[in-house]
Amino acid sequence: MANFLFVSADAALITDLAWQVHREGHDVKYHIEAESDKEIGDGFVPKTDDWEAEVDWADVIIFDDIWVGSDVGTGQLAQDLRAEGKAVVGGTPNTDRLEEDRGYAMEILEDHGVNTIEHHVFSDFDAGIRHVEEHPAPYVIKPLGEVQNVKRLLYVGNENDGSDVVDVLRAYKKAWGHRMKGFQLQRKVEGVEIAVCGFFNGEEFIDQVNFNFEHKKLFPGNIGPSTGEMGTSMFWAGHNQLFEETLGKLEGWLANEGYVGSIDINCIVNANGIYPLEFTPRFGYPTIALQEESFESGTGQFFSDLAHGKDPELEVHSGYQVAVRVVLPPFPFDDDKTYAENSRNAAVVFETESREGIHLEDAKKVDGQWRVAGENGMPLVVTGKGETMQEAREQCYGRIDDIVIPNMYYRDDIGERWVDGDGDRLLAWGYLGPQAE
């Protein structure tokens, strides 16, 4: 058994992983920096107010994101701790930059021979509008700077002449011009969106690769505002073509950085090729909760081995897995009055004794009663698994049926895209067949 220190240097994101490792019998301490999130995980996980005072106690230190308050910076903290000889799951300043600076991320991909979609970064709205007018096509608008985490500002164009993108850029110039440092315009590519997620131990990727499918829109059918995530479907495989042509090409670069942890690259693939869109050089949420659910060997042991540069003996579920985020008003928006009236401290009631597949996000336990915590309205992630994607869906939604929280909502179609043809297309294009020698 080991001592694990979990650090949320901004919002509380890693509660579920800390709870899982704690339940396995390891000693755990969890620090949450954001004042509004401090109660998250209370009653589930032991806490500390001063994580730096616990560094000597910890055998393994795990950072959950790239943010230190409103600045990017956990990569620097992780790098400094590694230099002191600590075993750390976390990034480096350069890997943090992969997420924060989309132009830099594309340069790194291109430098290592990875295909990229045509993309341009603009700091001036009028220049971006001119570009679309001169090169008519559907584009995706991706904001840069402090607003890039305002998910609803990401816009995917639908018109072949780019006219809708021009209209949206004009609207953003009026509404957000003062706060948006700039934006990236990316040519829209049709195909299947798939994320390739590897775990890196400082020197190399482990054998198992996670392939996951994000569902970001609020409503079923991929309609409505973008959220951080409403649900994820996934499976595990080996170092296949999708991996080798994306993350596999960055193995040397990541080893030079000394990166440790989960790194994910979201791609569009079609019959013509694989086109990376963006990096997540950290855990994904709720991806990590679903990955935990599919680990069939110890989670704490896995992350301890990873942080110590060993080759973990990870066993994973061989079928398909589905996670659904259960949310409350006003998610995905911020509205204190709505949250206070509908969601703050709401009781989470289970109609069954089993907590199988129930994962924590913004929840706490008070006198044995599960309650909603924080102020984001994302109390739980519910997971399921099965031999087929349909079986995984049925198990997951069966578990949701046993949860009662007034005003809760969720998407009822997570995993359907796979059943409806994404899986067949990826197979037909040859991406999921046996590993090429």
Protein backbone atom coordinates (compact mmCIF):
# COMPACT_ATOMS: atom_id res chain seq x y z
CA MET A 1 0.00 0.00 0.00
CA ALA A 2 1.18 3.49 -0.81
CA ASN A 3 0.54 7.12 0.22
CA PHE A 4 -1.25 9.06 -2.54
CA LEU A 5 -1.52 12.86 -2.63
CA PHE A 6 -4.15 14.15 -5.11
CA VAL A 7 -3.91 17.83 -6.05
CA SER A 8 -6.66 19.91 -7.67
CA ALA A 9 -4.80 23.22 -8.03
CA ASP A 10 -8.00 24.74 -9.40
CA ALA A 11 -11.44 23.02 -9.61
CA ALA A 12 -12.10 19.61 -8.02
CA LEU A 13 -11.94 17.08 -10.84
CA ILE A 14 -10.12 14.01 -9.54
CA THR A 15 -12.43 13.12 -6.61
CA ASP A 16 -13.56 9.81 -8.08
CA LEU A 17 -10.04 8.53 -8.70
CA ALA A 18 -9.02 9.55 -5.17
CA TRP A 19 -12.09 7.72 -3.78
CA GLN A 20 -11.29 4.59 -5.81
CA VAL A 21 -7.66 4.50 -4.63
CA HIS A 22 -8.80 5.16 -1.03
CA ARG A 23 -11.30 2.27 -1.22
CA GLU A 24 -8.50 -0.04 -2.38
CA GLY A 25 -6.83 0.51 1.00
CA HIS A 26 -4.15 3.04 0.11
CA ASP A 27 -3.63 6.13 2.29
CA VAL A 28 -5.02 9.14 0.45
CA LYS A 29 -4.99 12.90 1.01
CA TYR A 30 -6.80 15.23 -1.38
CA HIS A 31 -6.28 18.98 -1.76
CA ILE A 32 -8.77 21.27 -3.55
CA GLU A 33 -7.71 24.86 -4.18
CA ALA A 34 -10.96 26.41 -5.50
CA GLU A 35 -12.98 27.81 -2.60
CA SER A 36 -16.31 26.94 -4.24
CA ASP A 37 -15.28 23.28 -4.61
CA LYS A 38 -13.67 22.60 -1.22
CA GLU A 39 -16.60 20.54 0.09
CA ILE A 40 -16.57 18.18 -2.91
CA GLY A 41 -15.55 14.70 -1.81
CA ASP A 42 -16.16 15.39 1.90
CA GLY A 43 -17.15 12.16 3.62
CA PHE A 44 -15.63 10.09 0.81
CA VAL A 45 -11.95 11.07 0.75
CA PRO A 46 -9.52 12.36 3.44
CA LYS A 47 -8.56 15.98 2.72
CA THR A 48 -5.63 18.33 3.30
CA ASP A 49 -5.62 22.14 3.25
CA ASP A 50 -1.90 22.37 2.46
CA TRP A 51 -0.71 19.91 -0.17
CA GLU A 52 2.87 21.17 -0.17
CA ALA A 53 3.18 20.16 3.49
CA GLU A 54 2.29 16.57 2.47
CA VAL A 55 4.87 16.17 -0.31
CA ASP A 56 7.37 14.33 1.91
CA TRP A 57 4.58 12.03 3.17
CA ALA A 58 3.44 11.11 -0.34
CA ASP A 59 4.77 8.16 -2.32
CA VAL A 60 2.81 9.28 -5.39
CA ILE A 61 1.54 12.78 -6.26
CA ILE A 62 -1.25 13.10 -8.84
CA PHE A 63 -2.26 16.37 -10.54
CA ASP A 64 -5.67 16.42 -12.23
CA ASP A 65 -5.44 19.27 -14.76
CA ILE A 66 -3.10 21.88 -16.24
CA TRP A 67 -4.60 24.81 -14.32
CA VAL A 68 -3.34 26.51 -11.17
CA GLY A 69 -6.25 28.87 -10.50
CA SER A 70 -6.65 30.94 -13.66
CA ASP A 71 -3.11 30.19 -14.94
CA VAL A 72 -1.62 27.19 -16.68
CA GLY A 73 1.00 25.72 -14.40
CA THR A 74 0.72 22.22 -12.96
CA GLY A 75 3.26 20.99 -15.53
CA GLN A 76 5.88 23.23 -13.92
CA LEU A 77 4.93 22.00 -10.42
CA ALA A 78 5.12 18.37 -11.57
CA GLN A 79 8.47 18.91 -13.29
CA ASP A 80 9.95 20.56 -10.18
CA LEU A 81 8.74 17.73 -7.93
CA ARG A 82 10.21 15.11 -10.28
CA ALA A 83 13.53 16.95 -10.14
CA GLU A 84 13.38 16.46 -6.35
CA GLY A 85 12.97 12.71 -6.90
CA LYS A 86 9.21 12.48 -6.33
CA ALA A 87 6.97 10.08 -8.29
CA VAL A 88 4.43 12.33 -10.01
CA VAL A 89 1.52 11.84 -12.41
CA GLY A 90 1.48 15.13 -14.28
CA GLY A 91 2.82 17.08 -17.21
CA THR A 92 5.54 19.58 -18.06
CA PRO A 93 5.31 23.21 -19.19
CA ASN A 94 5.51 22.07 -22.82
CA THR A 95 2.83 19.40 -22.51
CA ASP A 96 0.55 21.92 -20.74
CA ARG A 97 1.07 24.14 -23.76
CA LEU A 98 -0.32 21.44 -26.08
CA GLU A 99 -3.76 22.15 -24.61
CA GLU A 100 -3.48 25.89 -24.11
CA ASP A 101 -1.87 26.86 -27.42
CA ARG A 102 -3.54 25.12 -30.37
CA GLY A 103 -1.03 26.51 -32.87
CA TYR A 104 1.88 25.04 -30.88
CA ALA A 105 0.09 21.68 -30.68
CA MET A 106 -0.24 21.56 -34.46
CA GLU A 107 3.47 22.47 -34.87
CA ILE A 108 4.50 19.58 -32.60
CA LEU A 109 2.33 17.18 -34.62
CA GLU A 110 3.72 18.42 -37.93
CA ASP A 111 7.32 18.24 -36.63
CA HIS A 112 6.79 14.55 -35.88
CA GLY A 113 5.21 13.62 -39.19
CA VAL A 114 1.58 13.55 -38.08
CA ASN A 115 -1.06 14.67 -40.60
CA THR A 116 -2.92 17.84 -39.63
CA ILE A 117 -5.98 19.61 -40.99
CA GLU A 118 -5.49 23.00 -42.61
CA HIS A 119 -5.71 25.54 -39.81
CA HIS A 120 -5.01 29.25 -39.26
CA VAL A 121 -4.78 31.32 -36.10
CA PHE A 122 -6.12 34.88 -36.12
CA SER A 123 -5.91 37.63 -33.52
CA ASP A 124 -8.14 39.91 -35.60
CA PHE A 125 -11.78 39.12 -36.41
CA ASP A 126 -11.80 41.00 -39.71
CA ALA A 127 -8.76 39.05 -40.96
CA GLY A 128 -10.55 35.79 -40.13
CA ILE A 129 -13.71 36.92 -41.92
CA ARG A 130 -11.64 37.90 -44.99
CA HIS A 131 -9.96 34.48 -45.00
CA VAL A 132 -13.31 32.66 -45.06
CA GLU A 133 -14.67 34.95 -47.78
CA GLU A 134 -11.57 34.37 -49.91
CA HIS A 135 -11.48 30.59 -49.25
CA PRO A 136 -15.14 29.56 -48.94
CA ALA A 137 -15.58 26.25 -47.10
CA PRO A 138 -17.05 24.93 -43.85
CA TYR A 139 -14.79 25.81 -40.89
CA VAL A 140 -14.68 25.21 -37.15
CA ILE A 141 -14.13 28.27 -34.90
CA LYS A 142 -12.02 27.48 -31.81
CA PRO A 143 -11.53 30.40 -29.40
CA LEU A 144 -8.13 31.08 -27.84
CA GLY A 145 -7.16 32.69 -24.54
CA GLU A 146 -9.23 32.81 -21.37
CA VAL A 147 -12.51 32.16 -23.20
CA GLN A 148 -11.41 28.84 -24.70
CA ASN A 149 -13.01 27.11 -21.72
CA VAL A 150 -16.36 28.74 -22.51
CA LYS A 151 -17.40 25.64 -24.43
CA ARG A 152 -20.42 27.16 -26.13
CA LEU A 153 -18.16 29.49 -28.15
CA LEU A 154 -16.80 26.60 -30.21
CA TYR A 155 -18.71 26.71 -33.48
CA VAL A 156 -18.83 24.04 -36.18
CA GLY A 157 -19.81 25.48 -39.54
CA ASN A 158 -22.45 23.86 -41.72
CA GLU A 159 -22.48 25.92 -44.92
CA ASN A 160 -20.18 25.00 -47.81
CA ASP A 161 -19.55 28.67 -48.58
CA GLY A 162 -18.61 29.49 -44.97
CA SER A 163 -21.36 32.13 -44.72
CA ASP A 164 -22.54 30.93 -41.29
CA VAL A 165 -18.96 31.09 -39.96
CA VAL A 166 -18.70 34.69 -41.18
CA ASP A 167 -21.97 35.54 -39.40
CA VAL A 168 -20.79 33.93 -36.17
CA LEU A 169 -17.41 35.70 -36.29
CA ARG A 170 -19.19 39.05 -36.74
CA ALA A 171 -21.39 38.27 -33.73
CA TYR A 172 -18.39 37.19 -31.62
CA LYS A 173 -16.53 40.38 -32.55
CA LYS A 174 -19.37 42.43 -31.02
CA ALA A 175 -20.03 40.26 -27.98
CA TRP A 176 -16.59 38.85 -27.12
CA GLY A 177 -14.10 41.03 -28.98
CA HIS A 178 -12.65 42.42 -25.75
CA ARG A 179 -12.07 38.99 -24.15
CA MET A 180 -11.18 36.73 -27.06
CA LYS A 181 -7.43 37.02 -27.71
CA GLY A 182 -7.94 35.26 -30.97
CA PHE A 183 -9.27 32.11 -32.54
CA GLN A 184 -8.25 29.22 -34.71
CA LEU A 185 -10.12 28.45 -37.92
CA GLN A 186 -9.88 24.78 -38.81
CA ARG A 187 -11.20 23.26 -42.03
CA LYS A 188 -14.13 21.02 -41.18
CA VAL A 189 -13.58 17.37 -42.09
CA GLU A 190 -16.39 14.81 -42.29
CA GLY A 191 -15.89 11.40 -40.70
CA VAL A 192 -15.95 9.64 -37.35
CA GLU A 193 -14.67 11.54 -34.32
CA ILE A 194 -12.53 9.30 -32.12
CA ALA A 195 -10.05 10.04 -29.34
CA VAL A 196 -6.89 7.98 -28.89
CA CYS A 197 -5.78 7.91 -25.25
CA GLY A 198 -2.49 6.47 -24.07
CA PHE A 199 -0.88 6.19 -20.64
CA PHE A 200 2.77 7.25 -20.56
CA ASN A 201 5.24 6.27 -17.82
CA GLY A 202 7.92 8.90 -18.50
CA GLU A 203 9.67 6.75 -21.09
CA GLU A 204 7.07 4.93 -23.17
CA PHE A 205 3.39 4.16 -23.67
CA ILE A 206 1.89 1.14 -21.92
CA ASP A 207 0.54 -1.66 -24.13
CA GLN A 208 -3.17 -0.88 -23.72
CA VAL A 209 -4.61 2.04 -25.67
CA ASN A 210 -8.00 3.52 -24.90
CA PHE A 211 -10.26 4.62 -27.76
CA ASN A 212 -13.14 6.87 -26.73
CA PHE A 213 -16.01 8.80 -28.24
CA GLU A 214 -17.09 12.07 -26.64
CA HIS A 215 -20.66 13.39 -26.64
CA LYS A 216 -20.35 17.11 -25.95
CA LYS A 217 -23.73 18.60 -26.83
CA LEU A 218 -26.31 18.99 -24.07
CA PHE A 219 -29.22 17.23 -25.77
CA PRO A 220 -29.67 13.79 -27.37
CA GLY A 221 -29.00 13.77 -31.09
CA ASN A 222 -26.02 16.11 -30.55
CA ILE A 223 -28.19 19.23 -30.32
CA GLY A 224 -27.90 22.31 -28.12
CA PRO A 225 -25.03 24.09 -26.39
CA SER A 226 -21.64 22.45 -26.05
CA THR A 227 -20.78 21.21 -22.58
CA GLY A 228 -17.50 19.90 -21.24
CA GLU A 229 -18.96 16.43 -21.79
CA MET A 230 -22.33 14.66 -21.40
CA GLY A 231 -21.06 11.13 -21.81
CA THR A 232 -18.42 8.89 -23.31
CA SER A 233 -18.28 5.47 -24.91
CA MET A 234 -15.03 3.52 -25.24
CA PHE A 235 -13.08 0.33 -25.69
CA TRP A 236 -9.45 -0.77 -25.23
CA ALA A 237 -7.11 -2.13 -27.90
CA GLY A 238 -3.40 -2.36 -28.68
CA HIS A 239 -0.95 -0.22 -30.64
CA ASN A 240 -3.03 -0.26 -33.84
CA GLN A 241 -2.84 2.06 -36.84
CA LEU A 242 -4.85 4.82 -35.15
CA PHE A 243 -2.35 4.86 -32.29
CA GLU A 244 0.80 4.46 -34.41
CA GLU A 245 -0.10 7.35 -36.73
CA THR A 246 -0.92 9.77 -33.89
CA LEU A 247 0.34 9.37 -30.31
CA GLY A 248 2.86 6.70 -31.30
CA LYS A 249 4.83 9.26 -33.31
CA LEU A 250 5.18 11.47 -30.21
CA GLU A 251 6.70 8.80 -27.96
CA GLY A 252 10.23 10.19 -28.22
CA TRP A 253 9.08 13.78 -27.63
CA LEU A 254 7.05 12.78 -24.56
CA ALA A 255 10.01 10.75 -23.22
CA ASN A 256 12.28 13.80 -23.57
CA GLU A 257 9.70 15.79 -21.63
CA GLY A 258 9.41 13.09 -18.96
CA TYR A 259 5.61 13.20 -19.20
CA VAL A 260 3.67 10.86 -16.90
CA GLY A 261 -0.05 10.14 -17.10
CA SER A 262 -2.93 10.06 -19.53
CA ILE A 263 -2.62 11.88 -22.87
CA ASP A 264 -5.43 11.96 -25.39
CA ILE A 265 -5.61 13.16 -28.97
CA ASN A 266 -9.03 13.72 -30.52
CA CYS A 267 -9.21 12.98 -34.26
CA ILE A 268 -11.58 12.89 -37.20
CA VAL A 269 -10.96 9.83 -39.33
CA ASN A 270 -12.37 8.90 -42.71
CA ALA A 271 -11.45 6.71 -45.68
CA ASN A 272 -8.70 9.17 -46.64
CA GLY A 273 -6.84 9.48 -43.36
CA ILE A 274 -6.56 10.43 -39.70
CA TYR A 275 -6.82 14.13 -38.80
CA PRO A 276 -5.91 15.16 -35.22
CA LEU A 277 -8.00 17.99 -33.76
CA GLU A 278 -6.70 18.68 -30.25
CA PHE A 279 -4.82 17.32 -27.25
CA THR A 280 -5.88 16.59 -23.69
CA PRO A 281 -2.48 16.25 -21.94
CA ARG A 282 -4.06 15.22 -18.60
CA PHE A 283 -6.97 13.09 -17.42
CA GLY A 284 -10.23 13.51 -19.30
CA TYR A 285 -13.51 13.91 -17.41
CA PRO A 286 -15.59 11.79 -17.18
CA THR A 287 -13.18 9.63 -19.24
CA ILE A 288 -11.06 8.70 -16.21
CA ALA A 289 -14.12 7.47 -14.28
CA LEU A 290 -14.99 5.18 -17.19
CA GLN A 291 -11.39 4.01 -17.55
CA GLU A 292 -11.36 3.16 -13.82
CA GLU A 293 -14.56 1.17 -14.28
CA SER A 294 -12.83 -0.88 -16.98
CA PHE A 295 -9.63 -1.52 -14.96
CA GLU A 296 -9.74 -5.11 -13.73
CA SER A 297 -6.47 -4.81 -11.79
CA GLY A 298 -5.69 -2.32 -8.99
CA THR A 299 -6.07 1.36 -9.88
CA GLY A 300 -3.68 2.59 -7.17
CA GLN A 301 -1.04 0.04 -8.16
CA PHE A 302 -1.36 1.10 -11.81
CA PHE A 303 -0.75 4.79 -11.09
CA SER A 304 2.04 4.01 -8.64
CA ASP A 305 3.80 1.89 -11.28
CA LEU A 306 3.22 4.55 -13.95
CA ALA A 307 4.63 7.35 -11.76
CA HIS A 308 7.68 5.25 -10.84
CA GLY A 309 8.49 4.59 -14.52
CA LYS A 310 7.60 0.91 -14.39
CA ASP A 311 5.64 -1.08 -16.96
CA PRO A 312 2.29 -1.57 -15.19
CA GLU A 313 0.55 -4.91 -15.44
CA LEU A 314 -2.83 -3.41 -16.27
CA GLU A 315 -5.76 -5.69 -16.97
CA VAL A 316 -8.77 -4.11 -18.65
CA HIS A 317 -12.30 -5.18 -19.55
CA SER A 318 -12.27 -6.56 -23.08
CA GLY A 319 -15.67 -5.34 -24.27
CA TYR A 320 -17.24 -1.88 -24.46
CA GLN A 321 -17.87 0.73 -21.79
CA VAL A 322 -20.31 3.66 -21.53
CA ALA A 323 -20.40 6.63 -19.09
CA VAL A 324 -23.23 9.12 -18.70
CA ARG A 325 -23.00 12.38 -16.78
CA VAL A 326 -26.02 13.09 -14.57
CA VAL A 327 -26.49 16.85 -14.22
CA LEU A 328 -28.72 19.43 -12.53
CA PRO A 329 -29.92 22.99 -13.29
CA PRO A 330 -28.47 25.30 -14.51
CA PHE A 331 -25.76 23.08 -16.09
CA PRO A 332 -23.98 23.88 -18.40
CA PHE A 333 -24.56 27.54 -17.51
CA ASP A 334 -23.71 29.61 -14.43
CA ASP A 335 -26.76 30.98 -12.61
CA ASP A 336 -26.40 31.14 -8.83
CA LYS A 337 -30.11 31.73 -8.19
CA THR A 338 -31.23 28.72 -10.24
CA TYR A 339 -28.54 26.56 -8.66
CA ALA A 340 -29.46 27.66 -5.13
CA GLU A 341 -33.17 26.97 -5.69
CA ASN A 342 -32.88 23.63 -7.51
CA SER A 343 -29.60 21.95 -6.83
CA ARG A 344 -27.54 23.13 -3.85
CA ASN A 345 -27.19 20.35 -1.25
CA ALA A 346 -29.84 18.28 -3.06
CA ALA A 347 -30.11 14.72 -1.77
CA VAL A 348 -28.95 11.91 -4.02
CA VAL A 349 -31.21 8.91 -3.39
CA PHE A 350 -30.48 5.36 -4.55
CA GLU A 351 -33.28 2.83 -4.96
CA THR A 352 -30.83 -0.08 -4.64
CA GLU A 353 -28.08 -1.05 -2.18
CA SER A 354 -25.54 -1.43 -5.00
CA ARG A 355 -23.20 1.44 -5.89
CA GLU A 356 -21.74 -0.44 -8.86
CA GLY A 357 -20.95 1.96 -11.69
CA ILE A 358 -21.64 5.08 -9.57
CA HIS A 359 -18.79 7.61 -9.77
CA LEU A 360 -18.33 10.91 -7.94
CA GLU A 361 -18.10 14.31 -9.51
CA ASP A 362 -19.59 17.16 -7.46
CA ALA A 363 -20.84 15.15 -4.49
CA LYS A 364 -20.24 14.86 -0.74
CA LYS A 365 -21.49 12.57 2.02
CA VAL A 366 -23.11 14.07 5.14
CA ASP A 367 -24.20 11.69 7.94
CA GLY A 368 -24.26 8.81 5.46
CA GLN A 369 -26.44 10.72 2.95
CA TRP A 370 -25.03 11.50 -0.51
CA ARG A 371 -25.56 15.15 -1.45
CA VAL A 372 -24.80 17.49 -4.31
CA ALA A 373 -21.71 19.65 -3.62
CA GLY A 374 -19.94 22.60 -5.23
CA GLU A 375 -21.83 24.81 -7.63
CA ASN A 376 -21.49 23.23 -11.07
CA GLY A 377 -24.48 20.86 -11.02
CA MET A 378 -22.54 17.73 -12.03
CA PRO A 379 -22.96 15.32 -9.11
CA LEU A 380 -22.45 11.90 -10.69
CA VAL A 381 -21.15 9.87 -13.58
CA VAL A 382 -22.79 6.48 -14.11
CA THR A 383 -21.01 3.72 -16.04
CA GLY A 384 -21.79 0.38 -17.60
CA LYS A 385 -19.92 -2.25 -19.57
CA GLY A 386 -20.73 -5.25 -21.74
CA GLU A 387 -19.62 -7.53 -24.56
CA THR A 388 -21.31 -5.16 -27.02
CA MET A 389 -21.87 -1.41 -26.95
CA GLN A 390 -25.62 -2.06 -26.65
CA GLU A 391 -25.10 -4.24 -23.53
CA ALA A 392 -22.91 -1.53 -21.99
CA ARG A 393 -25.62 1.05 -22.71
CA GLU A 394 -28.30 -1.11 -21.13
CA GLN A 395 -26.30 -1.70 -17.95
CA CYS A 396 -25.46 2.01 -17.62
CA TYR A 397 -29.03 3.26 -18.16
CA GLY A 398 -30.39 0.53 -15.87
CA ARG A 399 -28.20 1.94 -13.10
CA ILE A 400 -29.39 5.49 -13.82
CA ASP A 401 -32.99 4.29 -13.43
CA ASP A 402 -32.18 3.50 -9.77
CA ILE A 403 -31.06 7.08 -8.98
CA VAL A 404 -33.44 9.77 -7.77
CA ILE A 405 -32.37 13.44 -7.68
CA PRO A 406 -35.09 16.04 -8.24
CA ASN A 407 -34.57 17.90 -11.55
CA MET A 408 -31.77 15.63 -12.77
CA TYR A 409 -31.21 15.25 -16.51
CA TYR A 410 -28.86 13.36 -18.81
CA ARG A 411 -28.46 12.26 -22.42
CA ASP A 412 -30.17 8.96 -23.21
CA ASP A 413 -28.24 8.26 -26.43
CA ILE A 414 -24.62 7.82 -25.30
CA GLY A 415 -23.05 5.02 -27.35
CA GLU A 416 -25.80 5.00 -29.98
CA ARG A 417 -23.55 6.53 -32.64
CA TRP A 418 -21.35 3.43 -32.44
CA VAL A 419 -24.31 1.10 -32.82
CA ASP A 420 -25.72 3.24 -35.65
CA GLY A 421 -22.64 2.94 -37.84
CA ASP A 422 -19.48 4.54 -36.41
CA GLY A 423 -18.12 1.10 -35.50
CA ASP A 424 -18.87 -0.34 -38.94
CA ARG A 425 -17.25 2.63 -40.67
CA LEU A 426 -14.04 2.40 -38.62
CA LEU A 427 -13.85 -1.33 -39.36
CA ALA A 428 -14.51 -0.83 -43.06
CA TRP A 429 -11.75 1.79 -43.29
CA GLY A 430 -9.34 -0.68 -41.69
CA TYR A 431 -8.54 1.26 -38.51
CA LEU A 432 -9.73 -1.34 -36.02
CA GLY A 433 -8.40 -4.50 -37.67
CA PRO A 434 -5.38 -6.47 -36.44
CA GLN A 435 -2.28 -4.47 -35.62
CA ALA A 436 -0.06 -3.97 -38.66
CA GLU A 437 3.34 -5.57 -38.21
